[in-house]
Amino acid sequence: MKDVKEIILKKLEEVVDPELGVDIVNLGLVYSIDVKGKKAVVKVTMTTPACPLLGLILENIKSKLSEIKEVDEISVELVWDPPWTPERMSEKAKRQLGYI
């Protein structure tokens, strides 16, 4: 059976920032995934606290994570520390957005 963290990460790759067209995992917005038994805590950030699509993205995250049968409870926490920087992006995202 797949590791639950892997399953969560795969689901989060389905959540795309509508403005940038890149998923939140490759953007480096997922800070941590902690699984204890049937409970998971996912910490995410946004590229800026003024993100106009914050509500939509959080809603999409919760919707995708609700599809996971391996956990009974998933909590999504929005964090701002450390602040997000473009260095957190994967090579794929950097290429897609013209950073490299």
N, C-alpha and C. Protein backbone atom coordinates (compact mmCIF):
# COMPACT_ATOMS: atom_id res chain seq x y z
N MET A 1 0.83 -1.19 0.00
CA MET A 1 0.00 0.00 0.00
C MET A 1 0.88 1.26 0.00
N LYS A 2 0.44 2.27 -0.74
CA LYS A 2 1.18 3.52 -0.81
C LYS A 2 1.20 4.21 0.55
N ASP A 3 2.27 4.93 0.80
CA ASP A 3 2.39 5.75 1.98
C ASP A 3 1.31 6.84 1.93
N VAL A 4 0.66 7.10 3.03
CA VAL A 4 -0.43 8.08 3.07
C VAL A 4 0.07 9.48 2.68
N LYS A 5 1.28 9.83 3.10
CA LYS A 5 1.84 11.13 2.71
C LYS A 5 1.95 11.25 1.20
N GLU A 6 2.36 10.16 0.56
CA GLU A 6 2.47 10.12 -0.91
C GLU A 6 1.11 10.34 -1.56
N ILE A 7 0.10 9.69 -1.01
CA ILE A 7 -1.26 9.82 -1.53
C ILE A 7 -1.74 11.26 -1.39
N ILE A 8 -1.49 11.86 -0.24
CA ILE A 8 -1.88 13.25 0.00
C ILE A 8 -1.16 14.17 -0.98
N LEU A 9 0.13 13.96 -1.14
CA LEU A 9 0.93 14.79 -2.06
C LEU A 9 0.40 14.69 -3.49
N LYS A 10 0.08 13.48 -3.92
CA LYS A 10 -0.47 13.28 -5.28
C LYS A 10 -1.79 14.04 -5.45
N LYS A 11 -2.65 14.00 -4.43
CA LYS A 11 -3.92 14.74 -4.49
C LYS A 11 -3.67 16.24 -4.56
N LEU A 12 -2.68 16.71 -3.80
CA LEU A 12 -2.37 18.15 -3.79
C LEU A 12 -1.81 18.61 -5.13
N GLU A 13 -1.20 17.70 -5.88
CA GLU A 13 -0.72 18.04 -7.22
C GLU A 13 -1.88 18.32 -8.18
N GLU A 14 -3.09 17.94 -7.79
CA GLU A 14 -4.27 18.20 -8.61
C GLU A 14 -4.86 19.59 -8.34
N VAL A 15 -4.33 20.28 -7.32
CA VAL A 15 -4.81 21.63 -6.98
C VAL A 15 -3.90 22.63 -7.70
N VAL A 16 -4.48 23.35 -8.65
CA VAL A 16 -3.71 24.27 -9.48
C VAL A 16 -4.04 25.71 -9.10
N ASP A 17 -2.99 26.54 -8.99
CA ASP A 17 -3.20 27.97 -8.79
C ASP A 17 -3.76 28.51 -10.10
N PRO A 18 -5.01 28.98 -10.12
CA PRO A 18 -5.64 29.40 -11.38
C PRO A 18 -4.93 30.57 -12.06
N GLU A 19 -4.28 31.41 -11.30
CA GLU A 19 -3.57 32.56 -11.90
C GLU A 19 -2.28 32.13 -12.60
N LEU A 20 -1.59 31.17 -11.99
CA LEU A 20 -0.29 30.76 -12.52
C LEU A 20 -0.35 29.51 -13.38
N GLY A 21 -1.38 28.69 -13.22
CA GLY A 21 -1.51 27.46 -13.99
C GLY A 21 -0.54 26.38 -13.57
N VAL A 22 -0.06 26.46 -12.33
CA VAL A 22 0.89 25.48 -11.79
C VAL A 22 0.30 24.93 -10.50
N ASP A 23 0.50 23.62 -10.26
CA ASP A 23 -0.05 23.04 -9.04
C ASP A 23 0.70 23.52 -7.80
N ILE A 24 0.02 23.43 -6.66
CA ILE A 24 0.57 23.98 -5.43
C ILE A 24 1.80 23.23 -4.91
N VAL A 25 1.94 21.97 -5.28
CA VAL A 25 3.12 21.20 -4.86
C VAL A 25 4.35 21.74 -5.59
N ASN A 26 4.27 21.86 -6.91
CA ASN A 26 5.41 22.36 -7.68
C ASN A 26 5.69 23.84 -7.42
N LEU A 27 4.68 24.58 -6.98
CA LEU A 27 4.92 25.98 -6.60
C LEU A 27 5.64 26.08 -5.26
N GLY A 28 5.68 24.98 -4.53
CA GLY A 28 6.34 25.00 -3.22
C GLY A 28 5.46 25.55 -2.12
N LEU A 29 4.15 25.45 -2.30
CA LEU A 29 3.21 25.99 -1.32
C LEU A 29 2.87 25.00 -0.21
N VAL A 30 3.24 23.73 -0.38
CA VAL A 30 2.99 22.73 0.65
C VAL A 30 4.22 22.66 1.54
N TYR A 31 4.05 23.07 2.79
CA TYR A 31 5.18 23.11 3.72
C TYR A 31 5.39 21.80 4.46
N SER A 32 4.31 21.14 4.86
CA SER A 32 4.48 19.86 5.55
C SER A 32 3.20 19.03 5.52
N ILE A 33 3.40 17.73 5.66
CA ILE A 33 2.30 16.77 5.77
C ILE A 33 2.65 15.86 6.93
N ASP A 34 1.84 15.89 7.98
CA ASP A 34 2.07 15.04 9.15
C ASP A 34 0.89 14.10 9.30
N VAL A 35 1.20 12.81 9.37
CA VAL A 35 0.16 11.80 9.50
C VAL A 35 0.39 11.03 10.79
N LYS A 36 -0.67 10.97 11.61
CA LYS A 36 -0.63 10.17 12.83
C LYS A 36 -1.89 9.33 12.86
N GLY A 37 -1.71 8.04 12.66
CA GLY A 37 -2.86 7.15 12.60
C GLY A 37 -3.74 7.50 11.42
N LYS A 38 -4.99 7.82 11.69
CA LYS A 38 -5.95 8.15 10.64
C LYS A 38 -6.17 9.66 10.51
N LYS A 39 -5.28 10.45 11.14
CA LYS A 39 -5.41 11.91 11.10
C LYS A 39 -4.20 12.51 10.39
N ALA A 40 -4.47 13.51 9.54
CA ALA A 40 -3.39 14.18 8.82
C ALA A 40 -3.51 15.69 8.99
N VAL A 41 -2.36 16.34 9.11
CA VAL A 41 -2.30 17.80 9.16
C VAL A 41 -1.42 18.25 8.01
N VAL A 42 -1.99 19.10 7.16
CA VAL A 42 -1.27 19.62 6.00
C VAL A 42 -1.08 21.12 6.20
N LYS A 43 0.18 21.57 6.15
CA LYS A 43 0.48 23.00 6.27
C LYS A 43 0.83 23.54 4.90
N VAL A 44 0.11 24.59 4.51
CA VAL A 44 0.32 25.22 3.21
C VAL A 44 0.47 26.73 3.39
N THR A 45 1.00 27.36 2.36
CA THR A 45 1.11 28.81 2.34
C THR A 45 0.62 29.29 0.98
N MET A 46 0.64 30.56 0.78
CA MET A 46 0.32 31.16 -0.51
C MET A 46 1.52 32.00 -0.93
N THR A 47 1.56 32.40 -2.20
CA THR A 47 2.68 33.19 -2.68
C THR A 47 2.70 34.57 -2.02
N THR A 48 1.52 35.03 -1.59
CA THR A 48 1.40 36.33 -0.92
C THR A 48 0.18 36.31 -0.01
N PRO A 49 0.25 37.01 1.13
CA PRO A 49 -0.93 37.07 2.00
C PRO A 49 -2.13 37.74 1.32
N ALA A 50 -1.88 38.53 0.29
CA ALA A 50 -2.96 39.22 -0.41
C ALA A 50 -3.49 38.42 -1.60
N CYS A 51 -3.20 37.14 -1.64
CA CYS A 51 -3.64 36.29 -2.75
C CYS A 51 -5.15 36.39 -2.93
N PRO A 52 -5.61 36.88 -4.08
CA PRO A 52 -7.05 37.06 -4.29
C PRO A 52 -7.82 35.74 -4.40
N LEU A 53 -7.11 34.65 -4.66
CA LEU A 53 -7.77 33.36 -4.83
C LEU A 53 -7.56 32.43 -3.63
N LEU A 54 -7.15 33.00 -2.51
CA LEU A 54 -6.88 32.21 -1.31
C LEU A 54 -8.04 31.29 -0.96
N GLY A 55 -9.25 31.84 -0.88
CA GLY A 55 -10.42 31.04 -0.51
C GLY A 55 -10.68 29.90 -1.47
N LEU A 56 -10.58 30.18 -2.76
CA LEU A 56 -10.80 29.16 -3.78
C LEU A 56 -9.76 28.05 -3.69
N ILE A 57 -8.50 28.42 -3.53
CA ILE A 57 -7.43 27.42 -3.44
C ILE A 57 -7.61 26.55 -2.21
N LEU A 58 -7.91 27.17 -1.05
CA LEU A 58 -8.12 26.38 0.17
C LEU A 58 -9.32 25.45 0.02
N GLU A 59 -10.36 25.92 -0.63
CA GLU A 59 -11.55 25.09 -0.89
C GLU A 59 -11.18 23.90 -1.77
N ASN A 60 -10.37 24.14 -2.81
CA ASN A 60 -9.93 23.06 -3.70
C ASN A 60 -9.06 22.05 -2.96
N ILE A 61 -8.20 22.55 -2.08
CA ILE A 61 -7.34 21.65 -1.29
C ILE A 61 -8.22 20.73 -0.45
N LYS A 62 -9.15 21.31 0.28
CA LYS A 62 -10.02 20.51 1.16
C LYS A 62 -10.86 19.51 0.36
N SER A 63 -11.33 19.93 -0.80
CA SER A 63 -12.13 19.06 -1.65
C SER A 63 -11.32 17.85 -2.11
N LYS A 64 -10.11 18.10 -2.60
CA LYS A 64 -9.26 16.99 -3.08
C LYS A 64 -8.88 16.05 -1.94
N LEU A 65 -8.54 16.62 -0.78
CA LEU A 65 -8.12 15.79 0.34
C LEU A 65 -9.27 14.97 0.91
N SER A 66 -10.50 15.46 0.74
CA SER A 66 -11.66 14.71 1.24
C SER A 66 -11.87 13.41 0.46
N GLU A 67 -11.24 13.28 -0.70
CA GLU A 67 -11.36 12.08 -1.52
C GLU A 67 -10.48 10.93 -1.02
N ILE A 68 -9.59 11.21 -0.09
CA ILE A 68 -8.63 10.21 0.40
C ILE A 68 -9.29 9.33 1.45
N LYS A 69 -9.33 8.04 1.18
CA LYS A 69 -10.00 7.09 2.07
C LYS A 69 -9.09 6.60 3.20
N GLU A 70 -7.79 6.80 3.06
CA GLU A 70 -6.84 6.27 4.04
C GLU A 70 -6.80 7.05 5.35
N VAL A 71 -7.44 8.22 5.39
CA VAL A 71 -7.48 9.02 6.62
C VAL A 71 -8.91 9.41 6.94
N ASP A 72 -9.21 9.53 8.22
CA ASP A 72 -10.55 9.91 8.66
C ASP A 72 -10.68 11.41 8.83
N GLU A 73 -9.56 12.05 9.14
CA GLU A 73 -9.60 13.49 9.43
C GLU A 73 -8.37 14.17 8.83
N ILE A 74 -8.62 15.24 8.07
CA ILE A 74 -7.52 16.00 7.50
C ILE A 74 -7.73 17.47 7.85
N SER A 75 -6.72 18.05 8.45
CA SER A 75 -6.75 19.46 8.82
C SER A 75 -5.79 20.21 7.89
N VAL A 76 -6.25 21.33 7.35
CA VAL A 76 -5.41 22.15 6.49
C VAL A 76 -5.11 23.44 7.24
N GLU A 77 -3.82 23.71 7.47
CA GLU A 77 -3.42 24.91 8.18
C GLU A 77 -2.69 25.84 7.23
N LEU A 78 -3.11 27.10 7.23
CA LEU A 78 -2.46 28.13 6.41
C LEU A 78 -1.40 28.79 7.27
N VAL A 79 -0.16 28.78 6.79
CA VAL A 79 0.96 29.36 7.55
C VAL A 79 1.68 30.40 6.69
N TRP A 80 2.31 31.34 7.34
CA TRP A 80 3.04 32.40 6.62
C TRP A 80 4.53 32.42 6.98
N ASP A 81 4.93 31.52 7.85
CA ASP A 81 6.33 31.50 8.28
C ASP A 81 6.89 30.11 8.07
N PRO A 82 7.94 29.96 7.29
CA PRO A 82 8.68 31.03 6.62
C PRO A 82 7.92 31.55 5.40
N PRO A 83 8.15 32.80 5.05
CA PRO A 83 7.49 33.35 3.88
C PRO A 83 7.88 32.59 2.61
N TRP A 84 6.93 32.45 1.69
CA TRP A 84 7.20 31.79 0.43
C TRP A 84 8.12 32.66 -0.43
N THR A 85 9.03 32.01 -1.14
CA THR A 85 9.88 32.68 -2.12
C THR A 85 9.94 31.80 -3.37
N PRO A 86 10.27 32.38 -4.53
CA PRO A 86 10.35 31.58 -5.76
C PRO A 86 11.34 30.43 -5.69
N GLU A 87 12.30 30.49 -4.78
CA GLU A 87 13.27 29.40 -4.64
C GLU A 87 12.61 28.10 -4.21
N ARG A 88 11.42 28.17 -3.64
CA ARG A 88 10.70 26.97 -3.19
C ARG A 88 10.10 26.19 -4.35
N MET A 89 10.02 26.80 -5.52
CA MET A 89 9.41 26.14 -6.68
C MET A 89 10.30 25.01 -7.21
N SER A 90 9.65 24.00 -7.76
CA SER A 90 10.39 22.91 -8.40
C SER A 90 10.97 23.42 -9.72
N GLU A 91 11.90 22.65 -10.28
CA GLU A 91 12.47 22.99 -11.59
C GLU A 91 11.36 23.07 -12.64
N LYS A 92 10.41 22.14 -12.55
CA LYS A 92 9.29 22.10 -13.49
C LYS A 92 8.51 23.42 -13.45
N ALA A 93 8.19 23.89 -12.25
CA ALA A 93 7.43 25.14 -12.11
C ALA A 93 8.25 26.33 -12.59
N LYS A 94 9.54 26.34 -12.26
CA LYS A 94 10.40 27.44 -12.69
C LYS A 94 10.46 27.53 -14.22
N ARG A 95 10.57 26.37 -14.87
CA ARG A 95 10.56 26.34 -16.34
C ARG A 95 9.23 26.83 -16.88
N GLN A 96 8.16 26.32 -16.29
CA GLN A 96 6.81 26.65 -16.75
C GLN A 96 6.53 28.16 -16.63
N LEU A 97 7.08 28.78 -15.59
CA LEU A 97 6.83 30.21 -15.35
C LEU A 97 7.95 31.11 -15.90
N GLY A 98 8.92 30.51 -16.58
CA GLY A 98 9.97 31.31 -17.23
C GLY A 98 11.07 31.80 -16.31
N TYR A 99 11.24 31.15 -15.15
CA TYR A 99 12.32 31.52 -14.22
C TYR A 99 13.66 30.99 -14.72
N ILE A 100 13.62 29.88 -15.46
CA ILE A 100 14.86 29.30 -16.00
C ILE A 100 14.64 28.94 -17.47
